C-alpha atoms as a PDB file:
ATOM      1  CA  MET A   1      -0.002   0.112  -0.048  1.00  0.00           C
ATOM      2  CA  GLN A   2       2.999   2.536   0.966  1.00  0.00           C
ATOM      3  CA  GLU A   3       4.369   1.919  -2.864  1.00  0.00           C
ATOM      4  CA  LYS A   4       0.645   3.306  -4.539  1.00  0.00           C
ATOM      5  CA  SER A   5       0.921   6.254  -2.203  1.00  0.00           C
ATOM      6  CA  ASP A   6       4.700   7.112  -3.115  1.00  0.00           C
ATOM      7  CA  LYS A   7       3.688   6.881  -7.106  1.00  0.00           C
ATOM      8  CA  TYR A   8       0.969   9.097  -6.371  1.00  0.00           C
ATOM      9  CA  ARG A   9       3.145  11.451  -4.713  1.00  0.00           C
ATOM     10  CA  ILE A  10       5.426  11.267  -7.755  1.00  0.00           C
ATOM     11  CA  TYR A  11       3.089  12.142 -10.094  1.00  0.00           C
ATOM     12  CA  TYR A  12       1.600  14.934  -8.209  1.00  0.00           C
ATOM     13  CA  TYR A  13       4.519  16.652  -8.554  1.00  0.00           C
ATOM     14  CA  ILE A  14       5.154  15.868 -11.928  1.00  0.00           C
ATOM     15  CA  ALA A  15       1.668  17.260 -12.738  1.00  0.00           C
ATOM     16  CA  ASN A  16       2.381  20.503 -10.364  1.00  0.00           C
ATOM     17  CA  TYR A  17       5.730  21.125 -12.411  1.00  0.00           C
ATOM     18  CA  GLU A  18       4.158  21.026 -15.687  1.00  0.00           C
ATOM     19  CA  ARG A  19       1.119  23.063 -14.416  1.00  0.00           C
ATOM     20  CA  LYS A  20       2.581  26.026 -12.868  1.00  0.00           C
ATOM     21  CA  GLY A  21       6.170  25.663 -14.386  1.00  0.00           C
ATOM     22  CA  GLU A  22       8.124  25.754 -10.943  1.00  0.00           C
ATOM     23  CA  VAL A  23      10.234  22.850  -9.062  1.00  0.00           C
ATOM     24  CA  ASN A  24       8.808  21.645  -5.450  1.00  0.00           C
ATOM     25  CA  MET A  25      12.172  19.637  -4.123  1.00  0.00           C
ATOM     26  CA  VAL A  26      11.529  16.326  -3.157  1.00  0.00           C
ATOM     27  CA  CYS A  27      13.649  13.588  -1.542  1.00  0.00           C
ATOM     28  CA  LYS A  28      14.577  10.870  -4.380  1.00  0.00           C
ATOM     29  CA  LYS A  29      14.888   8.261  -1.397  1.00  0.00           C
ATOM     30  CA  CYS A  30      12.180   9.018   0.862  1.00  0.00           C
ATOM     31  CA  GLY A  31       9.605  11.810  -1.060  1.00  0.00           C
ATOM     32  CA  SER A  32       9.772  13.984   1.737  1.00  0.00           C
ATOM     33  CA  GLU A  33       9.366  17.882   0.934  1.00  0.00           C
ATOM     34  CA  ASN A  34      11.494  18.714   4.079  1.00  0.00           C
ATOM     35  CA  ILE A  35      14.792  19.855   2.175  1.00  0.00           C
ATOM     36  CA  GLN A  36      17.320  22.288   3.215  1.00  0.00           C
ATOM     37  CA  VAL A  37      19.551  23.870   0.672  1.00  0.00           C
ATOM     38  CA  VAL A  38      23.197  23.837   2.395  1.00  0.00           C
ATOM     39  CA  GLN A  39      26.580  25.422   0.782  1.00  0.00           C
ATOM     40  CA  GLY A  40      29.500  22.189   0.276  1.00  0.00           C
ATOM     41  CA  SER A  41      33.186  22.436   0.128  1.00  0.00           C
ATOM     42  CA  SER A  42      34.391  25.081  -1.941  1.00  0.00           C
ATOM     43  CA  LYS A  43      37.418  23.990  -4.102  1.00  0.00           C
ATOM     44  CA  VAL A  44      40.067  25.972  -5.672  1.00  0.00           C
ATOM     45  CA  LYS A  45      40.565  24.846  -9.522  1.00  0.00           C
ATOM     46  CA  ASP A  46      44.297  24.856 -10.084  1.00  0.00           C
ATOM     47  CA  VAL A  47      45.730  26.310 -13.135  1.00  0.00           C
ATOM     48  CA  SER A  48      46.394  24.054 -16.158  1.00  0.00           C
ATOM     49  CA  ILE A  49      49.997  22.525 -16.609  1.00  0.00           C
ATOM     50  CA  LEU A  50      49.745  23.902 -20.136  1.00  0.00           C
ATOM     51  CA  ARG A  51      49.402  27.401 -19.005  1.00  0.00           C
ATOM     52  CA  THR A  52      52.506  26.818 -16.137  1.00  0.00           C
ATOM     53  CA  LEU A  53      54.859  26.065 -19.135  1.00  0.00           C
ATOM     54  CA  GLY A  54      53.479  28.654 -21.349  1.00  0.00           C
ATOM     55  CA  ARG A  55      54.465  31.231 -18.648  1.00  0.00           C
ATOM     56  CA  TRP A  56      57.928  29.611 -17.956  1.00  0.00           C
ATOM     57  CA  LEU A  57      58.673  29.588 -21.941  1.00  0.00           C
ATOM     58  CA  LEU A  58      57.906  33.614 -21.773  1.00  0.00           C
ATOM     59  CA  ILE A  59      60.007  34.312 -18.864  1.00  0.00           C
ATOM     60  CA  LEU A  60      62.977  32.435 -20.774  1.00  0.00           C
ATOM     61  CA  CYS A  61      62.109  34.157 -23.924  1.00  0.00           C
ATOM     62  CA  THR A  62      62.041  37.410 -22.372  1.00  0.00           C
ATOM     63  CA  ALA A  63      65.071  37.349 -20.065  1.00  0.00           C
ATOM     64  CA  GLY A  64      62.904  37.214 -16.794  1.00  0.00           C
ATOM     65  CA  LEU A  65      60.985  40.362 -17.617  1.00  0.00           C
ATOM     66  CA  TRP A  66      57.752  38.106 -17.958  1.00  0.00           C
ATOM     67  CA  LEU A  67      58.308  37.522 -13.993  1.00  0.00           C
ATOM     68  CA  LEU A  68      56.825  41.396 -13.582  1.00  0.00           C
ATOM     69  CA  VAL A  69      53.582  39.857 -14.639  1.00  0.00           C
ATOM     70  CA  PRO A  70      51.470  38.300 -11.768  1.00  0.00           C
ATOM     71  CA  LYS A  71      50.608  35.103 -12.097  1.00  0.00           C
ATOM     72  CA  LYS A  72      46.767  33.886 -12.494  1.00  0.00           C
ATOM     73  CA  LYS A  73      45.382  32.041  -9.593  1.00  0.00           C
ATOM     74  CA  GLY A  74      43.161  29.380  -9.519  1.00  0.00           C
ATOM     75  CA  THR A  75      39.503  30.074  -9.407  1.00  0.00           C
ATOM     76  CA  LEU A  76      37.281  29.269  -6.371  1.00  0.00           C
ATOM     77  CA  LYS A  77      34.543  26.787  -6.852  1.00  0.00           C
ATOM     78  CA  ALA A  78      31.874  26.259  -4.543  1.00  0.00           C
ATOM     79  CA  THR A  79      29.096  23.395  -4.469  1.00  0.00           C
ATOM     80  CA  THR A  80      25.358  23.843  -3.708  1.00  0.00           C
ATOM     81  CA  LEU A  81      24.048  20.472  -2.011  1.00  0.00           C
ATOM     82  CA  ALA A  82      20.387  19.811  -0.752  1.00  0.00           C
ATOM     83  CA  VAL A  83      19.843  18.008   2.230  1.00  0.00           C
ATOM     84  CA  CYS A  84      16.648  15.903   3.135  1.00  0.00           C
ATOM     85  CA  MET A  85      15.878  16.373   6.802  1.00  0.00           C
ATOM     86  CA  ASN A  86      13.897  13.448   7.306  1.00  0.00           C
ATOM     87  CA  CYS A  87      16.552  10.727   6.016  1.00  0.00           C
ATOM     88  CA  GLY A  88      19.785  12.884   5.497  1.00  0.00           C
ATOM     89  CA  HIS A  89      19.861  12.044   1.826  1.00  0.00           C
ATOM     90  CA  LYS A  90      22.057  14.635   0.196  1.00  0.00           C
ATOM     91  CA  TRP A  91      22.413  15.582  -3.588  1.00  0.00           C
ATOM     92  CA  LYS A  92      23.989  18.571  -5.647  1.00  0.00           C
ATOM     93  CA  ILE A  93      21.754  21.348  -7.159  1.00  0.00           C
END
């Protein structure tokens, strides 16, 4: 009997989405609407090896003058997660 109500809940949200054009977040594991959005870990994306080799080539060709140009730093990339407050399931948004 529980399986029927879960299927009905999923179809209800799909119909709601098509009708209103907005998304209600639902846990994929338990079907709960009790969802909290949190910011996950932040990672610094490193500069590629090709860019580093090119920089060293320019330093050698310009007799060190290229050292006056500052290095490009890596970019910060943050992830956003949704967490179900009922079962603890996490997923990326």
